[in-house]
Amino acid sequence: MSIPDFTDSEFQLVNQILLERYSRLVALQSAEVELLLKPEDKEPTPCPALYWNELGAEFIVAKVGEQRFRCQFFYSENEIFGTGHEFYDNLGDCVTNLLQLQADHHGTRSAAMSETLGNKAPDPDEDYHGPVII
């Protein structure tokens, strides 16, 4: 099964949402991820994806079919978060919900880390270089 790449209009939609969220252009990259699309799948399916990183978090939005998307953000391989929806049929809703969840989580995470570190805010980019995306 071959999943079509993101269209130019889908790419532009994500760029626009990111511009509205961060008030500046964000480096949005095309990528490919392998996902098990159904619980019974034995082999992962290659899926086109969009990737960006901001505020110490990395984001992936994968296209898993025609008008079907899956998303997550992560800080490390031990801190991976999704939105609680297995699939979205609207790319705008997918990206907006992902950004909102990360913003909420970022505030909670920053407060918890400040308490743990004695109010010294962590540098989100310190000693973390992220996974290699191919």
Protein backbone atom coordinates (compact mmCIF):
# COMPACT_ATOMS: atom_id res chain seq x y z
CA MET A 1 0.00 0.00 0.00
CA SER A 2 1.48 3.31 -1.07
CA ILE A 3 0.38 6.43 0.78
CA PRO A 4 0.52 9.68 -1.21
CA ASP A 5 2.86 12.45 -0.07
CA PHE A 6 1.54 15.60 1.55
CA THR A 7 0.14 17.92 -1.09
CA ASP A 8 1.39 21.48 -1.49
CA SER A 9 -1.83 22.79 0.05
CA GLU A 10 -1.45 20.46 3.07
CA PHE A 11 2.16 21.60 3.53
CA GLN A 12 1.06 25.25 3.29
CA LEU A 13 -1.75 24.66 5.80
CA VAL A 14 0.71 23.29 8.38
CA ASN A 15 3.11 26.17 7.69
CA GLN A 16 0.28 28.66 8.26
CA ILE A 17 -0.78 27.05 11.54
CA LEU A 18 2.84 27.06 12.77
CA LEU A 19 3.24 30.71 11.76
CA GLU A 20 0.12 31.60 13.75
CA ARG A 21 1.32 29.59 16.76
CA TYR A 22 4.93 30.81 16.91
CA SER A 23 4.58 34.22 15.16
CA ARG A 24 7.46 33.34 12.86
CA LEU A 25 8.39 30.83 10.18
CA VAL A 26 9.34 27.40 11.47
CA ALA A 27 11.58 24.95 9.61
CA LEU A 28 9.06 22.36 8.44
CA GLN A 29 10.66 19.27 6.92
CA SER A 30 9.33 16.37 4.90
CA ALA A 31 10.20 12.98 6.35
CA GLU A 32 9.18 9.34 6.22
CA VAL A 33 8.17 7.22 9.20
CA GLU A 34 7.22 3.57 9.48
CA LEU A 35 4.02 2.83 11.39
CA LEU A 36 1.87 -0.15 12.20
CA LEU A 37 -1.44 1.12 10.86
CA LYS A 38 -3.57 -1.72 12.24
CA PRO A 39 -3.08 -3.80 15.39
CA GLU A 40 -2.85 -6.97 13.30
CA ASP A 41 -0.11 -5.60 10.99
CA LYS A 42 3.13 -7.57 11.18
CA GLU A 43 5.23 -5.13 9.14
CA PRO A 44 5.27 -1.33 9.43
CA THR A 45 4.05 0.78 6.53
CA PRO A 46 6.20 3.66 5.23
CA CYS A 47 4.23 6.90 5.66
CA PRO A 48 5.06 10.45 4.57
CA ALA A 49 5.43 12.81 7.51
CA LEU A 50 6.07 16.42 8.42
CA TYR A 51 8.60 17.18 11.14
CA TRP A 52 9.53 20.30 13.10
CA ASN A 53 11.01 21.15 16.48
CA GLU A 54 10.25 24.06 18.78
CA LEU A 55 10.53 24.83 22.49
CA GLY A 56 12.62 21.74 23.13
CA ALA A 57 9.99 19.42 21.64
CA GLU A 58 9.96 17.56 18.35
CA PHE A 59 6.77 17.03 16.36
CA ILE A 60 5.70 14.48 13.76
CA VAL A 61 2.50 14.51 11.72
CA ALA A 62 2.20 11.40 9.55
CA LYS A 63 -0.14 10.89 6.65
CA VAL A 64 -1.55 7.37 7.02
CA GLY A 65 -4.07 7.45 4.18
CA GLU A 66 -6.20 9.76 2.10
CA GLN A 67 -7.30 12.48 4.54
CA ARG A 68 -6.05 10.42 7.53
CA PHE A 69 -3.34 11.71 9.85
CA ARG A 70 -1.60 10.61 13.05
CA CYS A 71 0.55 12.87 15.25
CA GLN A 72 2.82 12.99 18.28
CA PHE A 73 5.41 15.15 19.98
CA PHE A 74 8.35 14.11 22.10
CA TYR A 75 11.19 15.43 24.22
CA SER A 76 13.18 12.18 24.30
CA GLU A 77 12.58 8.50 23.58
CA ASN A 78 11.16 8.21 27.10
CA GLU A 79 8.84 11.23 26.80
CA ILE A 80 6.55 10.63 23.81
CA PHE A 81 3.03 12.06 23.73
CA GLY A 82 0.03 11.81 21.44
CA THR A 83 -3.31 13.57 21.45
CA GLY A 84 -5.40 10.55 22.42
CA HIS A 85 -6.89 10.30 18.91
CA GLU A 86 -5.73 7.36 16.82
CA PHE A 87 -6.46 9.19 13.55
CA TYR A 88 -7.63 12.58 12.35
CA ASP A 89 -9.54 13.14 9.12
CA ASN A 90 -8.74 16.87 9.18
CA LEU A 91 -5.09 17.98 9.02
CA GLY A 92 -5.81 21.39 10.55
CA ASP A 93 -7.49 19.82 13.59
CA CYS A 94 -4.62 17.33 13.92
CA VAL A 95 -1.90 20.02 14.00
CA THR A 96 -3.91 22.47 16.14
CA ASN A 97 -4.73 19.83 18.76
CA LEU A 98 -1.11 18.63 18.81
CA LEU A 99 0.19 22.18 19.35
CA GLN A 100 -2.37 22.87 22.08
CA LEU A 101 -1.54 19.67 23.93
CA GLN A 102 2.19 20.43 23.74
CA ALA A 103 1.67 24.01 24.95
CA ASP A 104 -0.33 22.73 27.93
CA HIS A 105 2.24 20.04 28.63
CA HIS A 106 5.16 22.49 28.24
CA GLY A 107 3.73 24.71 31.00
CA THR A 108 3.21 21.77 33.34
CA ARG A 109 6.60 20.27 32.52
CA SER A 110 8.45 23.58 32.98
CA ALA A 111 6.81 24.17 36.37
CA ALA A 112 7.66 20.66 37.55
CA MET A 113 11.26 20.95 36.37
CA SER A 114 11.62 24.37 38.03
CA GLU A 115 10.54 22.90 41.35
CA THR A 116 12.90 19.96 40.95
CA LEU A 117 15.84 22.17 39.94
CA GLY A 118 15.23 24.84 42.57
CA ASN A 119 13.65 27.35 40.16
CA LYS A 120 16.54 27.09 37.68
CA ALA A 121 14.76 26.76 34.35
CA PRO A 122 16.30 24.08 32.13
CA ASP A 123 17.74 24.90 28.72
CA PRO A 124 15.45 22.91 26.41
CA ASP A 125 18.27 22.36 23.89
CA GLU A 126 20.99 21.42 26.37
CA ASP A 127 22.64 18.07 25.62
CA TYR A 128 19.74 16.82 23.53
CA HIS A 129 20.23 16.43 19.83
CA GLY A 130 17.17 14.38 18.97
CA PRO A 131 16.82 11.30 16.82
CA VAL A 132 18.08 11.10 13.27
CA ILE A 133 15.13 11.49 10.91
CA ILE A 134 15.64 9.84 7.53
